[in-house]
Protein backbone atom coordinates (compact mmCIF):
# COMPACT_ATOMS: atom_id res chain seq x y z
CA MET A 1 6.31 -4.21 -50.54
CA LYS A 2 2.90 -5.42 -51.77
CA HIS A 3 4.05 -5.70 -55.39
CA VAL A 4 7.25 -7.72 -54.81
CA CYS A 5 7.19 -10.90 -56.89
CA SER A 6 6.40 -14.16 -55.08
CA ALA A 7 9.83 -15.69 -55.71
CA LEU A 8 11.59 -12.79 -54.08
CA THR A 9 9.14 -12.82 -51.19
CA LEU A 10 9.86 -16.50 -50.57
CA PHE A 11 13.59 -15.83 -50.65
CA VAL A 12 13.21 -13.09 -48.08
CA LEU A 13 11.12 -15.19 -45.73
CA ILE A 14 13.57 -18.09 -45.51
CA LEU A 15 16.56 -15.94 -44.65
CA PRO A 16 17.69 -16.15 -41.00
CA SER A 17 16.65 -13.27 -38.77
CA HIS A 18 19.22 -10.51 -38.25
CA GLY A 19 17.26 -7.92 -36.33
CA VAL A 20 14.28 -5.65 -36.14
CA GLY A 21 12.70 -4.28 -39.30
CA GLN A 22 14.48 -6.45 -41.85
CA GLU A 23 13.19 -9.59 -43.61
CA LYS A 24 10.67 -10.46 -40.89
CA ALA A 25 8.67 -7.41 -41.97
CA GLU A 26 7.38 -9.68 -44.76
CA SER A 27 6.29 -12.42 -42.35
CA PRO A 28 2.54 -13.12 -42.35
CA GLU A 29 2.79 -13.70 -38.59
CA TRP A 30 2.95 -9.96 -37.95
CA GLN A 31 -0.31 -8.11 -37.34
CA THR A 32 -0.58 -4.35 -37.87
CA LEU A 33 -2.09 -2.65 -34.82
CA PHE A 34 -2.65 0.83 -36.24
CA ASN A 35 -3.97 1.55 -39.74
CA GLY A 36 -2.76 5.18 -39.94
CA ARG A 37 -6.30 6.53 -40.43
CA ASP A 38 -8.39 6.01 -37.31
CA LEU A 39 -8.56 4.15 -33.99
CA SER A 40 -10.04 0.94 -35.39
CA GLY A 41 -8.99 -1.99 -33.19
CA TRP A 42 -8.51 0.24 -30.14
CA HIS A 43 -10.72 1.63 -27.37
CA LEU A 44 -10.44 3.87 -24.34
CA GLN A 45 -10.36 2.07 -21.02
CA ARG A 46 -13.88 1.08 -20.02
CA GLU A 47 -13.51 1.90 -16.34
CA ARG A 48 -12.01 4.93 -14.61
CA GLY A 49 -8.52 4.13 -13.36
CA GLN A 50 -5.83 5.82 -11.32
CA HIS A 51 -4.85 8.09 -14.26
CA GLY A 52 -8.36 9.09 -15.33
CA THR A 53 -10.92 8.07 -17.92
CA GLY A 54 -8.60 7.58 -20.89
CA GLY A 55 -7.20 10.91 -22.04
CA HIS A 56 -7.49 12.20 -25.60
CA TRP A 57 -6.31 10.19 -28.61
CA GLY A 58 -6.34 10.97 -32.30
CA VAL A 59 -4.58 10.69 -35.66
CA THR A 60 -2.64 13.51 -37.31
CA ASP A 61 -3.11 14.47 -40.97
CA ASP A 62 0.04 12.53 -41.85
CA GLY A 63 -1.20 9.31 -40.23
CA VAL A 64 0.48 9.40 -36.80
CA LEU A 65 -1.28 8.28 -33.62
CA PHE A 66 -1.05 10.71 -30.71
CA GLY A 67 -2.05 10.80 -27.07
CA GLU A 68 -2.49 13.73 -24.68
CA GLN A 69 -4.55 14.58 -21.64
CA GLY A 70 -8.20 15.23 -22.29
CA PRO A 71 -8.86 18.11 -22.28
CA PRO A 72 -5.18 19.08 -22.71
CA GLY A 73 -3.58 20.06 -19.41
CA SER A 74 -6.62 18.98 -17.39
CA GLY A 75 -4.87 16.23 -15.46
CA ASN A 76 -7.17 13.58 -16.98
CA GLY A 77 -5.12 10.79 -18.50
CA GLY A 78 -5.58 7.08 -19.01
CA PHE A 79 -5.17 4.37 -21.59
CA LEU A 80 -5.84 3.47 -25.18
CA LEU A 81 -6.19 -0.32 -25.31
CA THR A 82 -6.21 -2.89 -28.09
CA ASP A 83 -9.51 -4.68 -28.61
CA GLU A 84 -7.64 -7.97 -28.88
CA THR A 85 -5.77 -9.49 -25.96
CA TYR A 86 -2.33 -11.07 -26.00
CA ALA A 87 -0.44 -13.47 -23.74
CA GLU A 88 2.99 -14.15 -25.27
CA PHE A 89 4.05 -11.84 -28.05
CA GLU A 90 6.62 -9.65 -29.71
CA LEU A 91 5.64 -6.00 -30.17
CA GLU A 92 7.30 -3.23 -32.17
CA VAL A 93 6.41 0.47 -32.11
CA SER A 94 8.00 3.71 -33.23
CA LEU A 95 7.59 6.56 -30.78
CA ARG A 96 8.39 10.25 -30.56
CA PRO A 97 7.46 11.77 -27.20
CA ASP A 98 7.57 15.48 -26.58
CA TRP A 99 9.87 16.50 -23.73
CA GLY A 100 7.90 16.39 -20.49
CA PRO A 101 5.18 13.69 -20.88
CA ASP A 102 5.09 10.60 -18.67
CA SER A 103 3.89 7.69 -20.78
CA GLY A 104 4.40 3.97 -21.25
CA VAL A 105 3.57 0.81 -23.15
CA PHE A 106 1.54 -1.56 -20.98
CA LEU A 107 1.45 -5.33 -21.40
CA ARG A 108 -1.35 -7.74 -20.44
CA THR A 109 -3.40 -4.72 -19.44
CA ASP A 110 -6.86 -4.74 -17.88
CA GLU A 111 -9.67 -2.21 -18.42
CA LEU A 112 -8.36 -0.03 -15.59
CA GLY A 113 -4.94 0.25 -17.22
CA GLY A 114 -3.12 -2.00 -14.74
CA GLY A 115 -0.35 -4.33 -15.82
CA TRP A 116 3.31 -4.53 -16.71
CA GLN A 117 4.70 -1.25 -17.99
CA VAL A 118 7.62 -0.49 -20.26
CA TYR A 119 8.63 3.05 -19.32
CA VAL A 120 8.26 5.86 -21.84
CA ASP A 121 9.01 8.65 -19.35
CA HIS A 122 10.60 11.39 -21.42
CA HIS A 123 11.22 13.94 -18.68
CA ASP A 124 13.78 14.77 -15.99
CA HIS A 125 14.73 11.62 -14.08
CA GLY A 126 12.78 9.62 -16.65
CA ASN A 127 13.48 6.30 -18.35
CA VAL A 128 12.60 4.59 -21.61
CA GLY A 129 12.81 0.82 -21.89
CA HIS A 130 12.92 -0.54 -18.34
CA ILE A 131 10.02 -2.14 -16.47
CA ARG A 132 7.42 -1.28 -13.85
CA LEU A 133 4.53 -3.19 -12.35
CA GLU A 134 1.71 -0.67 -12.08
CA THR A 135 -1.47 -2.22 -10.74
CA LYS A 136 -3.21 -0.91 -7.64
CA PRO A 137 -2.97 -1.77 -4.82
CA TYR A 138 0.49 -3.15 -5.60
CA SER A 139 3.04 -1.25 -7.72
CA VAL A 140 6.81 -1.63 -7.94
CA PRO A 141 9.30 0.37 -10.05
CA PHE A 142 12.26 -1.40 -11.66
CA ARG A 143 14.05 1.68 -12.95
CA PRO A 144 17.82 1.44 -12.43
CA TRP A 145 18.59 4.90 -13.76
CA GLY A 146 17.13 7.78 -15.71
CA PHE A 147 18.16 10.85 -17.65
CA SER A 148 17.79 14.58 -17.29
CA ARG A 149 17.74 17.47 -19.71
CA ILE A 150 19.78 20.16 -18.05
CA ASP A 151 18.74 22.83 -20.55
CA PRO A 152 15.23 22.19 -21.99
CA ALA A 153 16.19 24.22 -25.06
CA LEU A 154 18.92 21.75 -25.99
CA PRO A 155 18.56 18.14 -27.17
CA ALA A 156 21.41 16.73 -25.08
CA LEU A 157 20.52 14.40 -22.21
CA GLU A 158 22.60 13.43 -19.21
CA MET A 159 22.23 10.28 -17.16
CA ALA A 160 21.02 10.35 -13.56
CA VAL A 161 21.13 7.42 -11.13
CA ASP A 162 17.84 6.57 -9.39
CA ALA A 163 18.43 6.83 -5.63
CA ARG A 164 16.07 3.91 -5.00
CA THR A 165 18.58 1.52 -6.55
CA LYS A 166 20.97 1.88 -3.60
CA THR A 167 19.27 -1.07 -1.89
CA TRP A 168 19.23 -3.29 -4.97
CA PRO A 169 21.28 -6.51 -4.91
CA GLU A 170 22.56 -8.24 -8.04
CA GLY A 171 19.88 -9.92 -10.11
CA VAL A 172 17.06 -7.39 -10.25
CA TYR A 173 17.47 -7.71 -14.02
CA GLU A 174 18.95 -10.70 -15.80
CA GLU A 175 20.33 -8.24 -18.34
CA THR A 176 20.47 -4.46 -18.53
CA CYS A 177 22.38 -2.03 -20.71
CA SER A 178 24.55 0.69 -19.26
CA GLN A 179 23.56 4.33 -19.04
CA GLU A 180 26.21 5.20 -21.61
CA GLU A 181 24.98 2.58 -24.09
CA TRP A 182 21.40 3.82 -23.86
CA LEU A 183 22.36 7.47 -24.23
CA LYS A 184 24.39 6.64 -27.33
CA VAL A 185 21.44 5.16 -29.26
CA TRP A 186 18.52 7.33 -28.09
CA LYS A 187 17.49 10.08 -30.55
CA THR A 188 15.97 12.98 -28.63
CA ASP A 189 13.23 14.88 -30.49
CA ASP A 190 13.17 12.21 -33.20
CA TRP A 191 11.60 8.83 -33.87
CA ASN A 192 12.91 5.83 -31.94
CA ARG A 193 12.09 2.15 -32.38
CA LEU A 194 10.99 0.14 -29.33
CA ARG A 195 10.80 -3.66 -29.43
CA ILE A 196 9.22 -5.67 -26.61
CA ARG A 197 9.13 -9.43 -26.12
CA CYS A 198 6.83 -10.88 -23.45
CA THR A 199 6.84 -14.60 -22.66
CA GLY A 200 5.94 -16.86 -19.76
CA GLY A 201 2.88 -17.29 -17.60
CA GLU A 202 1.48 -15.25 -14.73
CA LEU A 203 4.97 -13.92 -13.92
CA PRO A 204 6.41 -12.98 -17.31
CA VAL A 205 9.84 -12.57 -18.82
CA ILE A 206 9.96 -9.15 -20.50
CA GLU A 207 12.78 -8.15 -22.85
CA THR A 208 13.15 -4.73 -24.47
CA TRP A 209 15.26 -3.10 -27.16
CA VAL A 210 15.59 0.58 -28.13
CA ASN A 211 16.93 1.16 -31.63
CA ASP A 212 18.28 -2.43 -31.60
CA LEU A 213 20.09 -1.96 -28.26
CA LYS A 214 19.09 -4.63 -25.75
CA VAL A 215 17.91 -2.49 -22.85
CA CYS A 216 16.87 -5.18 -20.40
CA LYS A 217 15.68 -8.69 -19.67
CA PHE A 218 13.40 -8.85 -16.65
CA ASN A 219 12.25 -12.15 -15.14
CA ALA A 220 9.39 -11.55 -12.71
CA ALA A 221 9.69 -15.06 -11.28
CA SER A 222 13.33 -14.69 -10.25
CA THR A 223 14.04 -10.96 -9.79
CA THR A 224 15.83 -10.08 -6.56
CA HIS A 225 14.19 -6.67 -6.21
CA PRO A 226 13.87 -6.19 -2.42
CA GLN A 227 10.35 -4.72 -2.62
CA PHE A 228 8.93 -7.26 -5.07
CA ASP A 229 6.57 -9.95 -3.78
CA THR A 230 5.65 -12.66 -6.30
CA GLU A 231 2.45 -13.62 -4.49
CA LYS A 232 1.18 -10.02 -4.47
CA ALA A 233 2.18 -9.62 -8.12
CA GLU A 234 0.30 -12.76 -9.14
CA ALA A 235 -2.78 -11.52 -7.28
CA VAL A 236 -3.01 -8.26 -9.25
CA THR A 237 -1.82 -9.32 -12.72
CA GLN A 238 -3.21 -11.55 -15.44
CA PRO A 239 -1.59 -13.92 -17.96
CA THR A 240 -3.24 -12.22 -20.93
CA GLY A 241 -4.59 -8.75 -21.67
CA SER A 242 -4.58 -5.77 -24.00
CA ILE A 243 -1.64 -3.72 -25.20
CA GLY A 244 -2.05 -0.28 -23.61
CA LEU A 245 -0.62 3.13 -24.49
CA GLN A 246 -0.58 5.53 -21.55
CA VAL A 247 -1.22 9.19 -20.93
CA HIS A 248 -0.21 9.81 -17.33
CA GLY A 249 -2.69 11.66 -15.16
CA GLY A 250 -1.87 14.69 -13.01
CA LYS A 251 -0.74 18.26 -13.54
CA ASN A 252 2.82 17.48 -14.64
CA TRP A 253 1.64 16.91 -18.22
CA ARG A 254 1.55 20.37 -19.81
CA ALA A 255 -1.21 21.46 -22.18
CA GLY A 256 -0.08 20.89 -25.76
CA ASP A 257 2.39 18.10 -24.96
CA ARG A 258 1.84 14.83 -26.79
CA VAL A 259 3.33 11.40 -27.33
CA TYR A 260 3.34 10.22 -30.95
CA TRP A 261 3.22 6.61 -32.17
CA ARG A 262 3.42 4.90 -35.55
CA ASP A 263 4.36 1.59 -37.19
CA LEU A 264 2.78 -0.53 -34.45
CA ARG A 265 2.79 -4.25 -35.09
CA ILE A 266 2.64 -7.45 -33.06
CA ARG A 267 3.05 -11.18 -33.49
CA ARG A 268 1.85 -13.86 -31.15
CA LEU A 269 4.33 -16.35 -29.74
CA GLY A 270 3.81 -19.84 -28.38
CA GLU A 271 0.78 -20.60 -30.55
């Protein structure tokens, strides 16, 4: 769109917003996070964390960012982190995970890879789009349900309820989509668009969308999750930090499996 005339560009910018990837793509507020050539603007975590030293990250010949364990299948994972830090923001990424990897998009992340996670767990009993707090020594999952691939040779997924939700009262999420709604929009073995909005202070409000479906709205200050303690959460989180892409550590990530990312962009809010 670089060669669109200025009059048309102005017309596009003043239109009201109707969703992800439309006229706001022209907004100067958006910052591209990945240039499609190299890892400029990113770095591996600077300290060893619970998943390893960082994993292996690179760019394919067609300009796609990928993450895998390093060396592949070794169990060594970790995080690729943005050099810049962000407090309140809206983030958009396209992702295509292989079947099997356990990954995630982390918000307000520190150099160990701790922070608020948006699940990208594309495996049996996995989830994409809900929230987890993953910061040692205090971690809490907020996954209401997942999915399973009964036959790994087939693309069809089936939904599976997470047994841990049996003790959940109303109000763990302010909003959450149904299993059926999520399954209807998710494109297995293809590119999917994830949108994340993070606002608020030490205890954030995190909203997510997958392919324009509102997956959830999580309010850390008011969630009724029976295992969540706001004081402990405040002690291990920070109000600003990097955006992190995860390669999970451990032997469940098979050699050769990757998670692919492209079209990453962000805009700051509240500034």
